[in-house]
C-alpha atoms as a PDB file:
ATOM      1  CA  MET A   1     128.062 161.337 -36.555  1.00  0.00           C
ATOM      2  CA  LYS A   2     125.329 165.025 -35.997  1.00  0.00           C
ATOM      3  CA  ARG A   3     126.568 166.876 -33.126  1.00  0.00           C
ATOM      4  CA  ILE A   4     124.108 166.808 -30.840  1.00  0.00           C
ATOM      5  CA  LYS A   5     123.566 169.563 -28.830  1.00  0.00           C
ATOM      6  CA  GLN A   6     122.708 169.229 -25.409  1.00  0.00           C
ATOM      7  CA  SER A   7     120.760 172.252 -24.169  1.00  0.00           C
ATOM      8  CA  ARG A   8     120.894 173.037 -20.453  1.00  0.00           C
ATOM      9  CA  LEU A   9     118.870 173.255 -18.411  1.00  0.00           C
ATOM     10  CA  LYS A  10     118.088 176.936 -16.176  1.00  0.00           C
ATOM     11  CA  THR A  11     117.239 176.108 -12.920  1.00  0.00           C
ATOM     12  CA  THR A  12     115.698 178.467 -10.773  1.00  0.00           C
ATOM     13  CA  PRO A  13     115.317 178.483  -7.179  1.00  0.00           C
ATOM     14  CA  LEU A  14     112.785 176.905  -5.568  1.00  0.00           C
ATOM     15  CA  VAL A  15     113.096 179.880  -2.534  1.00  0.00           C
ATOM     16  CA  ASN A  16     113.900 183.515  -3.294  1.00  0.00           C
ATOM     17  CA  PRO A  17     117.703 184.096  -1.729  1.00  0.00           C
ATOM     18  CA  TYR A  18     116.654 187.627  -0.368  1.00  0.00           C
ATOM     19  CA  ILE A  19     113.127 185.597   0.907  1.00  0.00           C
ATOM     20  CA  ALA A  20     115.435 182.857   2.722  1.00  0.00           C
ATOM     21  CA  ILE A  21     117.378 185.491   4.620  1.00  0.00           C
ATOM     22  CA  LEU A  22     115.249 187.706   5.869  1.00  0.00           C
ATOM     23  CA  ALA A  23     113.152 184.276   6.988  1.00  0.00           C
ATOM     24  CA  THR A  24     116.522 183.175   8.900  1.00  0.00           C
ATOM     25  CA  LEU A  25     116.877 187.302  10.233  1.00  0.00           C
ATOM     26  CA  PRO A  26     115.205 187.292  13.197  1.00  0.00           C
ATOM     27  CA  ALA A  27     116.828 183.831  14.177  1.00  0.00           C
ATOM     28  CA  LEU A  28     120.553 185.546  13.144  1.00  0.00           C
ATOM     29  CA  ILE A  29     119.581 188.517  15.463  1.00  0.00           C
ATOM     30  CA  SER A  30     118.378 186.426  18.642  1.00  0.00           C
ATOM     31  CA  ILE A  31     121.853 184.747  18.137  1.00  0.00           C
ATOM     32  CA  VAL A  32     123.883 187.543  18.078  1.00  0.00           C
ATOM     33  CA  VAL A  33     121.644 189.677  20.277  1.00  0.00           C
ATOM     34  CA  LEU A  34     121.565 186.891  23.485  1.00  0.00           C
ATOM     35  CA  ALA A  35     124.780 185.082  22.414  1.00  0.00           C
ATOM     36  CA  MET A  36     127.426 186.365  21.275  1.00  0.00           C
ATOM     37  CA  LEU A  37     126.589 189.833  21.947  1.00  0.00           C
ATOM     38  CA  PRO A  38     126.354 188.757  25.601  1.00  0.00           C
ATOM     39  CA  ALA A  39     129.998 186.548  25.361  1.00  0.00           C
ATOM     40  CA  VAL A  40     130.848 189.716  24.282  1.00  0.00           C
ATOM     41  CA  VAL A  41     130.686 192.370  27.041  1.00  0.00           C
ATOM     42  CA  ASN A  42     131.350 188.941  29.858  1.00  0.00           C
ATOM     43  CA  LEU A  43     134.870 188.832  28.320  1.00  0.00           C
ATOM     44  CA  ALA A  44     135.376 193.066  28.468  1.00  0.00           C
ATOM     45  CA  ILE A  45     133.849 192.504  32.117  1.00  0.00           C
ATOM     46  CA  SER A  46     136.281 189.497  33.091  1.00  0.00           C
ATOM     47  CA  PHE A  47     139.539 192.115  32.336  1.00  0.00           C
ATOM     48  CA  THR A  48     137.752 194.867  34.897  1.00  0.00           C
ATOM     49  CA  ASP A  49     137.064 194.844  38.832  1.00  0.00           C
ATOM     50  CA  TYR A  50     133.221 195.482  37.467  1.00  0.00           C
ATOM     51  CA  HIS A  51     131.582 195.632  40.776  1.00  0.00           C
ATOM     52  CA  GLY A  52     127.922 197.033  39.296  1.00  0.00           C
ATOM     53  CA  VAL A  53     126.279 199.639  37.092  1.00  0.00           C
ATOM     54  CA  GLY A  54     127.476 203.259  38.231  1.00  0.00           C
ATOM     55  CA  GLN A  55     130.418 202.232  40.080  1.00  0.00           C
ATOM     56  CA  PRO A  56     133.913 203.251  38.790  1.00  0.00           C
ATOM     57  CA  PHE A  57     136.105 200.610  37.441  1.00  0.00           C
ATOM     58  CA  GLU A  58     139.333 199.772  35.772  1.00  0.00           C
ATOM     59  CA  PHE A  59     141.458 196.942  33.163  1.00  0.00           C
ATOM     60  CA  VAL A  60     143.149 194.957  35.884  1.00  0.00           C
ATOM     61  CA  GLY A  61     144.434 191.877  32.643  1.00  0.00           C
ATOM     62  CA  PHE A  62     144.758 188.613  33.673  1.00  0.00           C
ATOM     63  CA  GLU A  63     144.171 189.310  37.324  1.00  0.00           C
ATOM     64  CA  ASN A  64     140.906 187.771  37.784  1.00  0.00           C
ATOM     65  CA  PHE A  65     141.836 184.377  35.726  1.00  0.00           C
ATOM     66  CA  VAL A  66     144.341 184.330  38.540  1.00  0.00           C
ATOM     67  CA  LYS A  67     142.995 185.511  41.759  1.00  0.00           C
ATOM     68  CA  VAL A  68     139.067 183.365  41.024  1.00  0.00           C
ATOM     69  CA  PHE A  69     141.144 180.092  42.241  1.00  0.00           C
ATOM     70  CA  SER A  70     142.513 181.906  45.903  1.00  0.00           C
ATOM     71  CA  VAL A  71     138.940 183.326  46.308  1.00  0.00           C
ATOM     72  CA  ARG A  72     136.158 181.587  49.048  1.00  0.00           C
ATOM     73  CA  ASP A  73     132.474 182.439  48.780  1.00  0.00           C
ATOM     74  CA  ALA A  74     130.811 180.944  51.524  1.00  0.00           C
ATOM     75  CA  ALA A  75     133.747 178.484  52.760  1.00  0.00           C
ATOM     76  CA  VAL A  76     133.643 176.391  48.905  1.00  0.00           C
ATOM     77  CA  SER A  77     136.377 177.366  47.160  1.00  0.00           C
ATOM     78  CA  VAL A  78     136.730 176.811  42.945  1.00  0.00           C
ATOM     79  CA  TRP A  79     138.175 173.759  43.539  1.00  0.00           C
ATOM     80  CA  ASP A  80     135.024 172.252  46.011  1.00  0.00           C
ATOM     81  CA  SER A  81     132.833 173.291  43.185  1.00  0.00           C
ATOM     82  CA  LEU A  82     134.427 171.807  40.885  1.00  0.00           C
ATOM     83  CA  ARG A  83     134.415 168.233  42.326  1.00  0.00           C
ATOM     84  CA  ASN A  84     130.865 168.571  43.524  1.00  0.00           C
ATOM     85  CA  THR A  85     130.183 169.438  39.734  1.00  0.00           C
ATOM     86  CA  LEU A  86     132.026 166.316  39.041  1.00  0.00           C
ATOM     87  CA  VAL A  87     129.958 163.938  41.481  1.00  0.00           C
ATOM     88  CA  PHE A  88     126.452 165.952  40.612  1.00  0.00           C
ATOM     89  CA  CYS A  89     127.418 165.042  36.704  1.00  0.00           C
ATOM     90  CA  VAL A  90     128.264 161.638  37.206  1.00  0.00           C
ATOM     91  CA  GLY A  91     126.089 160.639  39.497  1.00  0.00           C
ATOM     92  CA  VAL A  92     122.933 162.181  37.806  1.00  0.00           C
ATOM     93  CA  VAL A  93     123.916 161.483  33.802  1.00  0.00           C
ATOM     94  CA  ILE A  94     124.798 157.220  34.520  1.00  0.00           C
ATOM     95  CA  ILE A  95     121.314 157.061  37.017  1.00  0.00           C
ATOM     96  CA  GLN A  96     118.592 158.293  34.840  1.00  0.00           C
ATOM     97  CA  GLN A  97     119.909 156.921  31.652  1.00  0.00           C
ATOM     98  CA  ALA A  98     119.459 153.700  32.824  1.00  0.00           C
ATOM     99  CA  LEU A  99     116.632 154.886  34.382  1.00  0.00           C
ATOM    100  CA  SER A 100     115.267 156.886  31.385  1.00  0.00           C
ATOM    101  CA  LEU A 101     116.315 152.905  28.847  1.00  0.00           C
ATOM    102  CA  GLY A 102     115.364 150.903  31.991  1.00  0.00           C
ATOM    103  CA  MET A 103     111.486 152.682  32.025  1.00  0.00           C
ATOM    104  CA  ALA A 104     111.284 152.566  27.467  1.00  0.00           C
ATOM    105  CA  LEU A 105     112.016 149.036  27.644  1.00  0.00           C
ATOM    106  CA  ILE A 106     108.953 148.627  29.795  1.00  0.00           C
ATOM    107  CA  VAL A 107     105.945 151.116  28.511  1.00  0.00           C
ATOM    108  CA  ASN A 108     107.160 150.776  24.926  1.00  0.00           C
ATOM    109  CA  ARG A 109     105.838 146.968  24.739  1.00  0.00           C
ATOM    110  CA  LYS A 110     101.960 146.643  24.349  1.00  0.00           C
ATOM    111  CA  PHE A 111      99.637 146.438  27.594  1.00  0.00           C
ATOM    112  CA  ARG A 112      96.662 148.346  29.224  1.00  0.00           C
ATOM    113  CA  GLY A 113      96.842 151.889  30.087  1.00  0.00           C
ATOM    114  CA  ARG A 114     100.349 152.058  29.116  1.00  0.00           C
ATOM    115  CA  SER A 115      99.982 155.969  26.857  1.00  0.00           C
ATOM    116  CA  PHE A 116      98.824 156.764  30.813  1.00  0.00           C
ATOM    117  CA  PHE A 117     102.091 155.310  33.007  1.00  0.00           C
ATOM    118  CA  ARG A 118     103.976 157.238  29.254  1.00  0.00           C
ATOM    119  CA  ALA A 119     102.164 160.592  30.626  1.00  0.00           C
ATOM    120  CA  LEU A 120     103.029 160.286  33.835  1.00  0.00           C
ATOM    121  CA  TYR A 121     107.121 159.270  33.801  1.00  0.00           C
ATOM    122  CA  PHE A 122     106.836 162.614  31.783  1.00  0.00           C
ATOM    123  CA  MET A 123     104.676 164.241  33.730  1.00  0.00           C
ATOM    124  CA  PRO A 124     107.970 165.851  35.906  1.00  0.00           C
ATOM    125  CA  THR A 125     109.870 167.150  33.269  1.00  0.00           C
ATOM    126  CA  ILE A 126     106.763 169.949  32.299  1.00  0.00           C
ATOM    127  CA  LEU A 127     106.787 171.192  35.845  1.00  0.00           C
ATOM    128  CA  GLY A 128     108.820 174.081  36.656  1.00  0.00           C
ATOM    129  CA  VAL A 129     111.786 174.433  38.198  1.00  0.00           C
ATOM    130  CA  SER A 130     110.232 176.109  41.512  1.00  0.00           C
ATOM    131  CA  VAL A 131     107.655 173.744  41.601  1.00  0.00           C
ATOM    132  CA  VAL A 132     109.567 171.133  41.884  1.00  0.00           C
ATOM    133  CA  GLY A 133     111.902 172.381  44.527  1.00  0.00           C
ATOM    134  CA  PHE A 134     109.582 173.066  47.184  1.00  0.00           C
ATOM    135  CA  THR A 135     107.518 170.294  46.678  1.00  0.00           C
ATOM    136  CA  TRP A 136     110.823 167.850  47.632  1.00  0.00           C
ATOM    137  CA  GLN A 137     111.838 170.434  49.953  1.00  0.00           C
ATOM    138  CA  LEU A 138     108.293 169.312  51.815  1.00  0.00           C
ATOM    139  CA  VAL A 139     108.661 165.875  51.430  1.00  0.00           C
ATOM    140  CA  PHE A 140     112.909 166.672  52.978  1.00  0.00           C
ATOM    141  CA  ASP A 141     111.279 168.492  56.231  1.00  0.00           C
ATOM    142  CA  PRO A 142     112.911 167.353  58.430  1.00  0.00           C
ATOM    143  CA  VAL A 143     110.897 167.896  60.946  1.00  0.00           C
ATOM    144  CA  SER A 144     107.142 167.475  59.295  1.00  0.00           C
ATOM    145  CA  GLY A 145     107.766 165.885  56.217  1.00  0.00           C
ATOM    146  CA  PRO A 146     107.102 162.021  55.425  1.00  0.00           C
ATOM    147  CA  ILE A 147     110.674 160.920  55.156  1.00  0.00           C
ATOM    148  CA  ALA A 148     111.405 162.482  58.973  1.00  0.00           C
ATOM    149  CA  THR A 149     108.106 160.754  59.932  1.00  0.00           C
ATOM    150  CA  ILE A 150     109.462 157.227  58.613  1.00  0.00           C
ATOM    151  CA  LEU A 151     112.553 157.850  60.324  1.00  0.00           C
ATOM    152  CA  ALA A 152     110.798 159.166  63.964  1.00  0.00           C
ATOM    153  CA  LYS A 153     109.096 154.942  64.072  1.00  0.00           C
ATOM    154  CA  PHE A 154     112.252 154.075  63.904  1.00  0.00           C
ATOM    155  CA  ASP A 155     113.985 156.279  66.808  1.00  0.00           C
ATOM    156  CA  LYS A 156     115.783 158.185  64.408  1.00  0.00           C
ATOM    157  CA  ALA A 157     116.303 161.816  62.779  1.00  0.00           C
ATOM    158  CA  SER A 158     118.435 163.576  60.035  1.00  0.00           C
ATOM    159  CA  PRO A 159     118.249 167.412  58.692  1.00  0.00           C
ATOM    160  CA  LEU A 160     118.193 164.894  55.433  1.00  0.00           C
ATOM    161  CA  LEU A 161     119.287 168.689  53.148  1.00  0.00           C
ATOM    162  CA  GLY A 162     121.058 170.230  55.074  1.00  0.00           C
ATOM    163  CA  GLN A 163     123.395 166.986  55.887  1.00  0.00           C
ATOM    164  CA  ASP A 164     126.622 166.629  54.604  1.00  0.00           C
ATOM    165  CA  GLY A 165     126.766 164.318  52.131  1.00  0.00           C
ATOM    166  CA  LEU A 166     123.429 163.030  52.133  1.00  0.00           C
ATOM    167  CA  SER A 167     122.999 166.559  50.738  1.00  0.00           C
ATOM    168  CA  MET A 168     123.945 165.611  47.699  1.00  0.00           C
ATOM    169  CA  ALA A 169     122.225 161.981  46.992  1.00  0.00           C
ATOM    170  CA  LEU A 170     119.775 163.295  47.874  1.00  0.00           C
ATOM    171  CA  VAL A 171     119.597 166.265  45.180  1.00  0.00           C
ATOM    172  CA  ILE A 172     121.182 163.769  42.524  1.00  0.00           C
ATOM    173  CA  VAL A 173     117.360 162.044  43.526  1.00  0.00           C
ATOM    174  CA  VAL A 174     115.668 165.167  43.236  1.00  0.00           C
ATOM    175  CA  ALA A 175     117.364 165.870  39.640  1.00  0.00           C
ATOM    176  CA  ILE A 176     116.667 162.396  37.998  1.00  0.00           C
ATOM    177  CA  TRP A 177     113.297 162.018  39.100  1.00  0.00           C
ATOM    178  CA  ALA A 178     112.438 165.846  36.965  1.00  0.00           C
ATOM    179  CA  ASN A 179     114.275 164.900  34.353  1.00  0.00           C
ATOM    180  CA  PHE A 180     114.400 161.360  33.243  1.00  0.00           C
ATOM    181  CA  GLY A 181     111.170 161.557  31.702  1.00  0.00           C
ATOM    182  CA  TYR A 182     112.349 163.079  28.387  1.00  0.00           C
ATOM    183  CA  ALA A 183     115.464 160.859  28.211  1.00  0.00           C
ATOM    184  CA  MET A 184     112.845 157.957  28.161  1.00  0.00           C
ATOM    185  CA  VAL A 185     110.397 159.889  25.376  1.00  0.00           C
ATOM    186  CA  VAL A 186     113.778 159.940  23.145  1.00  0.00           C
ATOM    187  CA  TYR A 187     115.003 156.114  24.380  1.00  0.00           C
ATOM    188  CA  ILE A 188     110.855 155.304  23.269  1.00  0.00           C
ATOM    189  CA  ALA A 189     111.649 156.680  19.461  1.00  0.00           C
ATOM    190  CA  GLY A 190     114.164 155.155  19.268  1.00  0.00           C
ATOM    191  CA  LEU A 191     113.184 151.630  20.383  1.00  0.00           C
ATOM    192  CA  GLN A 192     110.152 152.221  17.845  1.00  0.00           C
ATOM    193  CA  ASN A 193     112.274 152.537  15.027  1.00  0.00           C
ATOM    194  CA  ILE A 194     113.445 149.133  16.005  1.00  0.00           C
ATOM    195  CA  SER A 195     112.260 146.708  13.164  1.00  0.00           C
ATOM    196  CA  ASP A 196     110.361 144.031  14.482  1.00  0.00           C
ATOM    197  CA  ASP A 197     111.140 141.686  12.077  1.00  0.00           C
ATOM    198  CA  VAL A 198     115.034 142.515  13.454  1.00  0.00           C
ATOM    199  CA  ARG A 199     113.128 141.152  17.061  1.00  0.00           C
ATOM    200  CA  GLU A 200     111.238 138.289  15.802  1.00  0.00           C
ATOM    201  CA  ALA A 201     114.730 136.952  13.656  1.00  0.00           C
ATOM    202  CA  ALA A 202     116.710 137.077  17.015  1.00  0.00           C
ATOM    203  CA  ALA A 203     114.119 135.280  18.701  1.00  0.00           C
ATOM    204  CA  LEU A 204     114.060 132.115  16.196  1.00  0.00           C
ATOM    205  CA  ASP A 205     118.068 131.900  16.601  1.00  0.00           C
ATOM    206  CA  GLY A 206     117.231 131.537  20.483  1.00  0.00           C
ATOM    207  CA  ALA A 207     118.456 134.883  21.822  1.00  0.00           C
ATOM    208  CA  ASN A 208     116.968 135.487  25.413  1.00  0.00           C
ATOM    209  CA  GLY A 209     116.264 138.804  26.812  1.00  0.00           C
ATOM    210  CA  TRP A 210     119.002 139.620  28.001  1.00  0.00           C
ATOM    211  CA  GLN A 211     120.834 138.744  24.154  1.00  0.00           C
ATOM    212  CA  MET A 212     118.545 140.710  22.608  1.00  0.00           C
ATOM    213  CA  LEU A 213     118.635 143.968  24.811  1.00  0.00           C
ATOM    214  CA  ARG A 214     122.646 143.564  23.821  1.00  0.00           C
ATOM    215  CA  TYR A 215     123.557 142.726  20.641  1.00  0.00           C
ATOM    216  CA  VAL A 216     121.026 143.834  19.702  1.00  0.00           C
ATOM    217  CA  THR A 217     118.190 146.618  21.078  1.00  0.00           C
ATOM    218  CA  LEU A 218     121.687 148.779  22.272  1.00  0.00           C
ATOM    219  CA  PRO A 219     123.445 147.831  18.900  1.00  0.00           C
ATOM    220  CA  LEU A 220     120.736 150.163  17.090  1.00  0.00           C
ATOM    221  CA  LEU A 221     119.598 152.052  20.341  1.00  0.00           C
ATOM    222  CA  ARG A 222     123.669 153.337  19.252  1.00  0.00           C
ATOM    223  CA  SER A 223     122.785 156.980  17.892  1.00  0.00           C
ATOM    224  CA  THR A 224     119.658 157.713  20.405  1.00  0.00           C
ATOM    225  CA  LEU A 225     121.947 157.215  23.403  1.00  0.00           C
ATOM    226  CA  THR A 226     124.749 159.811  22.053  1.00  0.00           C
ATOM    227  CA  ILE A 227     121.778 161.951  21.907  1.00  0.00           C
ATOM    228  CA  ASN A 228     120.811 161.940  25.255  1.00  0.00           C
ATOM    229  CA  PHE A 229     124.583 161.266  27.104  1.00  0.00           C
ATOM    230  CA  TRP A 230     124.840 164.428  24.972  1.00  0.00           C
ATOM    231  CA  ILE A 231     121.804 166.225  26.187  1.00  0.00           C
ATOM    232  CA  SER A 232     122.160 164.913  30.019  1.00  0.00           C
ATOM    233  CA  ILE A 233     125.863 165.964  29.899  1.00  0.00           C
ATOM    234  CA  SER A 234     125.375 169.044  28.863  1.00  0.00           C
ATOM    235  CA  GLY A 235     122.573 170.095  30.719  1.00  0.00           C
ATOM    236  CA  THR A 236     123.886 168.039  33.907  1.00  0.00           C
ATOM    237  CA  LEU A 237     126.991 169.897  33.608  1.00  0.00           C
ATOM    238  CA  ALA A 238     124.996 173.516  33.295  1.00  0.00           C
ATOM    239  CA  MET A 239     122.336 173.090  35.667  1.00  0.00           C
ATOM    240  CA  PHE A 240     121.681 174.879  39.640  1.00  0.00           C
ATOM    241  CA  ASP A 241     118.518 176.165  39.610  1.00  0.00           C
ATOM    242  CA  ILE A 242     117.061 173.077  41.677  1.00  0.00           C
ATOM    243  CA  ILE A 243     120.493 173.258  43.670  1.00  0.00           C
ATOM    244  CA  TYR A 244     119.771 176.122  44.605  1.00  0.00           C
ATOM    245  CA  VAL A 245     115.865 175.965  45.265  1.00  0.00           C
ATOM    246  CA  LEU A 246     116.705 172.815  47.147  1.00  0.00           C
ATOM    247  CA  THR A 247     119.928 173.820  49.369  1.00  0.00           C
ATOM    248  CA  ASP A 248     121.646 177.118  48.351  1.00  0.00           C
ATOM    249  CA  GLY A 249     124.777 175.544  47.733  1.00  0.00           C
ATOM    250  CA  THR A 250     124.765 175.159  51.360  1.00  0.00           C
ATOM    251  CA  ALA A 251     125.758 171.606  53.004  1.00  0.00           C
ATOM    252  CA  GLY A 252     128.203 170.502  50.490  1.00  0.00           C
ATOM    253  CA  THR A 253     126.087 170.991  47.340  1.00  0.00           C
ATOM    254  CA  THR A 254     127.491 173.862  45.753  1.00  0.00           C
ATOM    255  CA  THR A 255     128.559 173.301  42.298  1.00  0.00           C
ATOM    256  CA  PHE A 256     130.344 175.165  39.567  1.00  0.00           C
ATOM    257  CA  ALA A 257     127.414 176.769  38.015  1.00  0.00           C
ATOM    258  CA  LEU A 258     125.877 177.907  41.268  1.00  0.00           C
ATOM    259  CA  TYR A 259     129.212 179.396  42.832  1.00  0.00           C
ATOM    260  CA  ILE A 260     129.372 181.358  39.241  1.00  0.00           C
ATOM    261  CA  PHE A 261     125.306 182.301  40.063  1.00  0.00           C
ATOM    262  CA  LYS A 262     125.925 183.383  44.023  1.00  0.00           C
ATOM    263  CA  MET A 263     129.035 185.433  43.028  1.00  0.00           C
ATOM    264  CA  ALA A 264     127.633 187.095  39.944  1.00  0.00           C
ATOM    265  CA  THR A 265     124.352 187.684  41.610  1.00  0.00           C
ATOM    266  CA  ASN A 266     126.234 189.385  44.521  1.00  0.00           C
ATOM    267  CA  SER A 267     126.494 192.959  45.194  1.00  0.00           C
ATOM    268  CA  SER A 268     129.255 193.005  46.439  1.00  0.00           C
ATOM    269  CA  SER A 269     131.395 190.546  44.652  1.00  0.00           C
ATOM    270  CA  ASN A 270     133.830 191.801  42.122  1.00  0.00           C
ATOM    271  CA  GLN A 271     131.972 190.673  38.910  1.00  0.00           C
ATOM    272  CA  GLY A 272     135.014 190.955  37.226  1.00  0.00           C
ATOM    273  CA  GLU A 273     136.029 187.568  38.563  1.00  0.00           C
ATOM    274  CA  ALA A 274     132.985 185.757  37.872  1.00  0.00           C
ATOM    275  CA  ALA A 275     133.041 186.539  34.354  1.00  0.00           C
ATOM    276  CA  ALA A 276     136.292 185.163  34.727  1.00  0.00           C
ATOM    277  CA  LEU A 277     135.093 181.524  36.150  1.00  0.00           C
ATOM    278  CA  TYR A 278     132.269 181.629  33.111  1.00  0.00           C
ATOM    279  CA  ILE A 279     135.080 181.389  30.879  1.00  0.00           C
ATOM    280  CA  TYR A 280     137.158 179.246  32.971  1.00  0.00           C
ATOM    281  CA  PHE A 281     133.660 177.254  32.943  1.00  0.00           C
ATOM    282  CA  SER A 282     132.813 177.414  28.984  1.00  0.00           C
ATOM    283  CA  ILE A 283     136.206 176.112  28.557  1.00  0.00           C
ATOM    284  CA  PHE A 284     135.419 173.035  31.079  1.00  0.00           C
ATOM    285  CA  VAL A 285     132.230 172.545  29.793  1.00  0.00           C
ATOM    286  CA  THR A 286     133.564 172.709  26.393  1.00  0.00           C
ATOM    287  CA  ALA A 287     136.659 169.963  26.879  1.00  0.00           C
ATOM    288  CA  VAL A 288     134.201 167.598  28.353  1.00  0.00           C
ATOM    289  CA  MET A 289     132.034 167.920  25.714  1.00  0.00           C
ATOM    290  CA  LEU A 290     134.988 166.999  23.325  1.00  0.00           C
ATOM    291  CA  LEU A 291     135.887 163.918  25.492  1.00  0.00           C
ATOM    292  CA  PHE A 292     132.748 162.756  24.972  1.00  0.00           C
ATOM    293  CA  ASN A 293     132.565 162.791  20.973  1.00  0.00           C
ATOM    294  CA  PHE A 294     136.238 161.180  21.449  1.00  0.00           C
ATOM    295  CA  LEU A 295     135.169 158.884  23.266  1.00  0.00           C
ATOM    296  CA  PHE A 296     131.535 157.753  21.678  1.00  0.00           C
ATOM    297  CA  ARG A 297     133.156 158.359  18.035  1.00  0.00           C
ATOM    298  CA  ARG A 298     136.573 155.928  19.006  1.00  0.00           C
ATOM    299  CA  LYS A 299     134.029 153.263  19.980  1.00  0.00           C
ATOM    300  CA  GLU A 300     130.907 153.905  17.209  1.00  0.00           C
ATOM    301  CA  GLU A 301     134.629 153.221  14.813  1.00  0.00           C
ATOM    302  CA  THR A 302     135.631 149.991  17.089  1.00  0.00           C
ATOM    303  CA  ASN A 303     132.461 148.083  16.706  1.00  0.00           C
END
């Protein structure tokens, strides 16, 4: 038998590697300048008693990492802010995801004006934090706001955003209203990837609306649910801007992120303590997200 020589095919890359490096270079520089470099600087500051530009500072080691748990800012401790963060995150994430999925199921159906309602529900997402915050401040104005006017008709009065307990509930409502449209759009995209044949087959088998949702829609939306919960949890844990505009952290609404922000922007505060708190906050968020990944992965493996 004649040995047939197979010629090696010479493949050339579709893109020059040097061009690829140059194309990704701006993104890499942005990551280094905007993320990695500030993180390194923050880590260095956390070991000092730095109070601001031009002021002398000294190396204090791990003193800031121990001291921050005993410091109180405006009668709020780190533990108070951590508790508020958990309450805020759980309230926003659970209600927001349930509401977003419900609205997605409604506007995903074919009816006249569907596009209008989709745009209407998504509109709060594109508004700025200042617009959302000041608008809801007018709504919750305890003197002349519409809520106060309604309460006055029943001979009731409330400081609303200034009332302990109630203020956190109202902040959660505003945060849900401002962001549920984004999650709704993601759910709509997931619903449109479910084939109509699957729904028709389930209907022919006699599945009702609840059975269709539980045994067909939700299992096929598992990846979409994971993405939405991931975005919602990580975003809610780091959210402080809407709370800052609404209440400035008063009446029991100071979250961990807002606590760090107020300490870092206070000229009289030890910036080293704020930097140490930010490191703790990063560890806390990472731990929560790792726990989330573990639980969802375990759920998927079980199913």
